[in-house]
N, C-alpha and C. Protein backbone atom coordinates (compact mmCIF):
# COMPACT_ATOMS: atom_id res chain seq x y z
N MET A 1 -17.93 -25.19 5.02
CA MET A 1 -16.76 -24.33 5.05
C MET A 1 -16.91 -23.26 3.96
N LYS A 2 -16.63 -22.01 4.33
CA LYS A 2 -16.76 -20.91 3.40
C LYS A 2 -15.61 -20.90 2.41
N LYS A 3 -15.93 -20.55 1.18
CA LYS A 3 -14.88 -20.43 0.16
C LYS A 3 -14.13 -19.12 0.37
N GLN A 4 -12.83 -19.18 0.29
CA GLN A 4 -11.99 -18.00 0.39
C GLN A 4 -11.69 -17.50 -1.03
N PHE A 5 -11.92 -16.24 -1.26
CA PHE A 5 -11.67 -15.65 -2.57
C PHE A 5 -10.36 -14.88 -2.55
N SER A 6 -9.58 -15.05 -3.60
CA SER A 6 -8.32 -14.30 -3.72
C SER A 6 -8.65 -12.86 -4.12
N PRO A 7 -7.70 -11.95 -3.91
CA PRO A 7 -7.93 -10.57 -4.34
C PRO A 7 -8.24 -10.48 -5.84
N LYS A 8 -7.60 -11.33 -6.63
CA LYS A 8 -7.85 -11.34 -8.07
C LYS A 8 -9.30 -11.74 -8.37
N GLU A 9 -9.80 -12.74 -7.66
CA GLU A 9 -11.18 -13.19 -7.85
C GLU A 9 -12.16 -12.10 -7.40
N LYS A 10 -11.87 -11.46 -6.30
CA LYS A 10 -12.73 -10.38 -5.81
C LYS A 10 -12.78 -9.24 -6.82
N ALA A 11 -11.64 -8.91 -7.39
CA ALA A 11 -11.58 -7.84 -8.40
C ALA A 11 -12.40 -8.21 -9.62
N ALA A 12 -12.34 -9.47 -10.04
CA ALA A 12 -13.09 -9.92 -11.21
C ALA A 12 -14.59 -9.79 -10.95
N VAL A 13 -15.02 -10.19 -9.78
CA VAL A 13 -16.44 -10.08 -9.42
C VAL A 13 -16.86 -8.61 -9.38
N ALA A 14 -16.04 -7.77 -8.76
CA ALA A 14 -16.35 -6.35 -8.66
C ALA A 14 -16.41 -5.69 -10.03
N LEU A 15 -15.49 -6.05 -10.92
CA LEU A 15 -15.50 -5.49 -12.27
C LEU A 15 -16.75 -5.89 -13.04
N GLU A 16 -17.16 -7.13 -12.88
CA GLU A 16 -18.42 -7.58 -13.50
C GLU A 16 -19.58 -6.73 -13.00
N ALA A 17 -19.60 -6.44 -11.72
CA ALA A 17 -20.67 -5.64 -11.14
C ALA A 17 -20.64 -4.20 -11.65
N ILE A 18 -19.45 -3.66 -11.82
CA ILE A 18 -19.31 -2.28 -12.30
C ILE A 18 -19.77 -2.16 -13.75
N LYS A 19 -19.50 -3.17 -14.54
CA LYS A 19 -19.92 -3.16 -15.95
C LYS A 19 -21.43 -3.08 -16.11
N GLU A 20 -22.14 -3.64 -15.15
CA GLU A 20 -23.61 -3.67 -15.13
C GLU A 20 -24.21 -4.33 -16.37
N ILE A 21 -23.52 -5.29 -16.93
CA ILE A 21 -24.05 -6.08 -18.05
C ILE A 21 -24.96 -7.16 -17.50
N LYS A 22 -24.57 -7.75 -16.40
CA LYS A 22 -25.36 -8.80 -15.74
C LYS A 22 -25.92 -8.23 -14.44
N THR A 23 -26.95 -8.86 -13.94
CA THR A 23 -27.50 -8.45 -12.66
C THR A 23 -26.61 -8.96 -11.54
N THR A 24 -26.78 -8.37 -10.38
CA THR A 24 -26.00 -8.81 -9.21
C THR A 24 -26.27 -10.27 -8.92
N SER A 25 -27.52 -10.69 -9.08
CA SER A 25 -27.88 -12.10 -8.83
C SER A 25 -27.19 -13.03 -9.82
N GLN A 26 -27.09 -12.61 -11.07
CA GLN A 26 -26.41 -13.44 -12.07
C GLN A 26 -24.92 -13.56 -11.75
N ILE A 27 -24.33 -12.46 -11.37
CA ILE A 27 -22.90 -12.47 -11.02
C ILE A 27 -22.67 -13.35 -9.80
N ALA A 28 -23.53 -13.19 -8.80
CA ALA A 28 -23.41 -13.98 -7.58
C ALA A 28 -23.53 -15.46 -7.87
N SER A 29 -24.45 -15.83 -8.73
CA SER A 29 -24.63 -17.23 -9.09
C SER A 29 -23.43 -17.77 -9.86
N GLU A 30 -22.93 -16.96 -10.77
CA GLU A 30 -21.78 -17.38 -11.60
C GLU A 30 -20.54 -17.63 -10.76
N TYR A 31 -20.28 -16.75 -9.79
CA TYR A 31 -19.07 -16.84 -8.98
C TYR A 31 -19.29 -17.54 -7.64
N GLN A 32 -20.53 -17.98 -7.40
CA GLN A 32 -20.90 -18.67 -6.17
C GLN A 32 -20.56 -17.84 -4.93
N VAL A 33 -21.09 -16.62 -4.94
CA VAL A 33 -20.88 -15.70 -3.84
C VAL A 33 -22.23 -15.05 -3.54
N HIS A 34 -22.42 -14.60 -2.33
CA HIS A 34 -23.68 -13.97 -1.94
C HIS A 34 -23.83 -12.62 -2.66
N PRO A 35 -25.03 -12.28 -3.11
CA PRO A 35 -25.24 -11.02 -3.81
C PRO A 35 -24.81 -9.78 -3.01
N ILE A 36 -24.99 -9.81 -1.72
CA ILE A 36 -24.56 -8.67 -0.89
C ILE A 36 -23.04 -8.51 -0.96
N GLN A 37 -22.32 -9.64 -0.99
CA GLN A 37 -20.86 -9.59 -1.08
C GLN A 37 -20.42 -8.97 -2.40
N VAL A 38 -21.16 -9.24 -3.46
CA VAL A 38 -20.85 -8.63 -4.77
C VAL A 38 -20.90 -7.11 -4.63
N GLY A 39 -21.93 -6.61 -3.98
CA GLY A 39 -22.07 -5.17 -3.78
C GLY A 39 -20.97 -4.59 -2.92
N VAL A 40 -20.57 -5.32 -1.89
CA VAL A 40 -19.50 -4.86 -1.00
C VAL A 40 -18.19 -4.75 -1.77
N TRP A 41 -17.86 -5.76 -2.56
CA TRP A 41 -16.62 -5.73 -3.33
C TRP A 41 -16.65 -4.63 -4.39
N LYS A 42 -17.83 -4.40 -4.97
CA LYS A 42 -17.97 -3.33 -5.96
C LYS A 42 -17.68 -1.98 -5.29
N LYS A 43 -18.25 -1.74 -4.13
CA LYS A 43 -18.03 -0.49 -3.40
C LYS A 43 -16.56 -0.34 -3.02
N GLN A 44 -15.92 -1.43 -2.59
CA GLN A 44 -14.51 -1.38 -2.22
C GLN A 44 -13.64 -1.02 -3.42
N LEU A 45 -13.97 -1.61 -4.58
CA LEU A 45 -13.19 -1.32 -5.79
C LEU A 45 -13.36 0.14 -6.20
N LEU A 46 -14.58 0.62 -6.17
CA LEU A 46 -14.83 2.02 -6.54
C LEU A 46 -14.16 2.98 -5.56
N ALA A 47 -14.19 2.65 -4.28
CA ALA A 47 -13.57 3.52 -3.27
C ALA A 47 -12.05 3.52 -3.38
N GLY A 48 -11.47 2.39 -3.73
CA GLY A 48 -10.01 2.27 -3.76
C GLY A 48 -9.39 2.60 -5.10
N SER A 49 -10.18 2.74 -6.14
CA SER A 49 -9.62 2.93 -7.48
C SER A 49 -8.81 4.21 -7.64
N PRO A 50 -9.15 5.34 -7.00
CA PRO A 50 -8.29 6.52 -7.16
C PRO A 50 -6.87 6.30 -6.65
N ASN A 51 -6.71 5.44 -5.65
CA ASN A 51 -5.38 5.17 -5.09
C ASN A 51 -4.46 4.45 -6.07
N ILE A 52 -5.05 3.73 -6.99
CA ILE A 52 -4.25 2.99 -7.98
C ILE A 52 -3.38 3.96 -8.77
N PHE A 53 -3.94 5.12 -9.09
CA PHE A 53 -3.23 6.08 -9.92
C PHE A 53 -2.33 7.00 -9.11
N SER A 54 -2.46 7.00 -7.81
CA SER A 54 -1.63 7.86 -6.97
C SER A 54 -0.46 7.12 -6.36
N GLN A 55 -0.34 5.83 -6.58
CA GLN A 55 0.74 5.04 -5.98
C GLN A 55 2.11 5.50 -6.47
N LYS A 56 2.21 5.97 -7.70
CA LYS A 56 3.49 6.43 -8.22
C LYS A 56 3.98 7.62 -7.39
N LEU A 57 3.08 8.53 -7.06
CA LEU A 57 3.45 9.67 -6.24
C LEU A 57 3.87 9.22 -4.85
N GLU A 58 3.17 8.26 -4.30
CA GLU A 58 3.53 7.75 -2.99
C GLU A 58 4.92 7.13 -3.00
N LYS A 59 5.25 6.41 -4.06
CA LYS A 59 6.57 5.80 -4.18
C LYS A 59 7.64 6.88 -4.28
N GLU A 60 7.35 7.94 -5.04
CA GLU A 60 8.32 9.03 -5.17
C GLU A 60 8.51 9.73 -3.83
N ASP A 61 7.42 9.97 -3.11
CA ASP A 61 7.51 10.58 -1.78
C ASP A 61 8.29 9.68 -0.83
N HIS A 62 8.05 8.39 -0.91
CA HIS A 62 8.74 7.43 -0.07
C HIS A 62 10.24 7.46 -0.36
N GLN A 63 10.60 7.51 -1.65
CA GLN A 63 12.01 7.54 -2.03
C GLN A 63 12.68 8.82 -1.55
N LYS A 64 11.98 9.95 -1.66
CA LYS A 64 12.53 11.22 -1.18
C LYS A 64 12.77 11.17 0.32
N MET A 65 11.83 10.56 1.05
CA MET A 65 11.98 10.45 2.49
C MET A 65 13.19 9.59 2.85
N ILE A 66 13.38 8.50 2.14
CA ILE A 66 14.53 7.63 2.38
C ILE A 66 15.83 8.39 2.13
N GLU A 67 15.89 9.14 1.02
CA GLU A 67 17.10 9.90 0.71
C GLU A 67 17.38 10.94 1.79
N GLU A 68 16.34 11.60 2.27
CA GLU A 68 16.50 12.60 3.33
C GLU A 68 17.00 11.95 4.62
N LEU A 69 16.47 10.79 4.94
CA LEU A 69 16.91 10.09 6.16
C LEU A 69 18.37 9.65 6.04
N TYR A 70 18.78 9.17 4.87
CA TYR A 70 20.18 8.80 4.68
C TYR A 70 21.08 10.03 4.81
N LYS A 71 20.62 11.16 4.32
CA LYS A 71 21.38 12.40 4.44
C LYS A 71 21.55 12.78 5.91
N ILE A 72 20.48 12.68 6.68
CA ILE A 72 20.54 13.00 8.11
C ILE A 72 21.48 12.04 8.84
N ILE A 73 21.39 10.76 8.50
CA ILE A 73 22.27 9.77 9.13
C ILE A 73 23.72 10.09 8.82
N GLY A 74 24.01 10.46 7.57
CA GLY A 74 25.37 10.82 7.19
C GLY A 74 25.88 12.02 7.97
N GLN A 75 25.01 13.02 8.13
CA GLN A 75 25.40 14.20 8.91
C GLN A 75 25.69 13.82 10.35
N ARG A 76 24.84 12.98 10.93
CA ARG A 76 25.03 12.56 12.33
C ARG A 76 26.32 11.78 12.50
N ASP A 77 26.62 10.91 11.54
CA ASP A 77 27.87 10.15 11.60
C ASP A 77 29.07 11.07 11.54
N ALA A 78 29.00 12.07 10.66
CA ALA A 78 30.11 13.02 10.54
C ALA A 78 30.27 13.81 11.84
N GLU A 79 29.16 14.26 12.42
CA GLU A 79 29.21 15.00 13.68
C GLU A 79 29.77 14.14 14.80
N LEU A 80 29.35 12.90 14.85
CA LEU A 80 29.83 11.98 15.88
C LEU A 80 31.33 11.74 15.74
N SER A 81 31.80 11.53 14.53
CA SER A 81 33.24 11.34 14.30
C SER A 81 34.03 12.58 14.73
N TRP A 82 33.53 13.74 14.38
CA TRP A 82 34.18 14.99 14.74
C TRP A 82 34.26 15.14 16.26
N LEU A 83 33.13 14.83 16.93
CA LEU A 83 33.12 14.93 18.40
C LEU A 83 34.08 13.94 19.04
N LYS A 84 34.16 12.73 18.51
CA LYS A 84 35.07 11.73 19.04
C LYS A 84 36.52 12.20 18.93
N LYS A 85 36.86 12.82 17.80
CA LYS A 85 38.23 13.33 17.61
C LYS A 85 38.52 14.48 18.57
N LYS A 86 37.59 15.37 18.72
CA LYS A 86 37.79 16.54 19.56
C LYS A 86 37.82 16.20 21.06
N LEU A 87 37.06 15.17 21.45
CA LEU A 87 36.97 14.83 22.87
C LEU A 87 37.92 13.71 23.28
N SER A 88 38.66 13.13 22.34
CA SER A 88 39.54 12.01 22.67
C SER A 88 40.62 12.34 23.70
N PRO A 89 41.19 13.55 23.76
CA PRO A 89 42.20 13.83 24.79
C PRO A 89 41.60 13.85 26.19
N PHE A 90 40.29 14.07 26.31
CA PHE A 90 39.64 14.13 27.61
C PHE A 90 39.16 12.79 28.10
N GLY A 91 39.20 11.77 27.25
CA GLY A 91 38.70 10.46 27.62
C GLY A 91 39.66 9.75 28.57
N PRO A 92 39.25 8.55 29.01
CA PRO A 92 40.10 7.78 29.92
C PRO A 92 41.39 7.35 29.23
N SER A 93 42.46 7.39 29.98
CA SER A 93 43.76 7.03 29.43
C SER A 93 44.22 5.70 29.92
């Protein structure tokens, strides 16, 4: 049965590989993982690292979008209420 590594464990292995203090084979032996997997996790960490610093902007953009959607919903509710009042004499009696 293959060992499942947590994201934290994968990050630790990848960081060891990035430091380049030990060889890939030494890291693989220490963490009991295949040397190719060490390289894959290292590449994934390097590729994803710029996103770590941009998440704050994404959260701010997400919050702005939510506020805009609530504003639109409020406008639609107001329009719907206005239409209901204006059209109520024409409805079924």
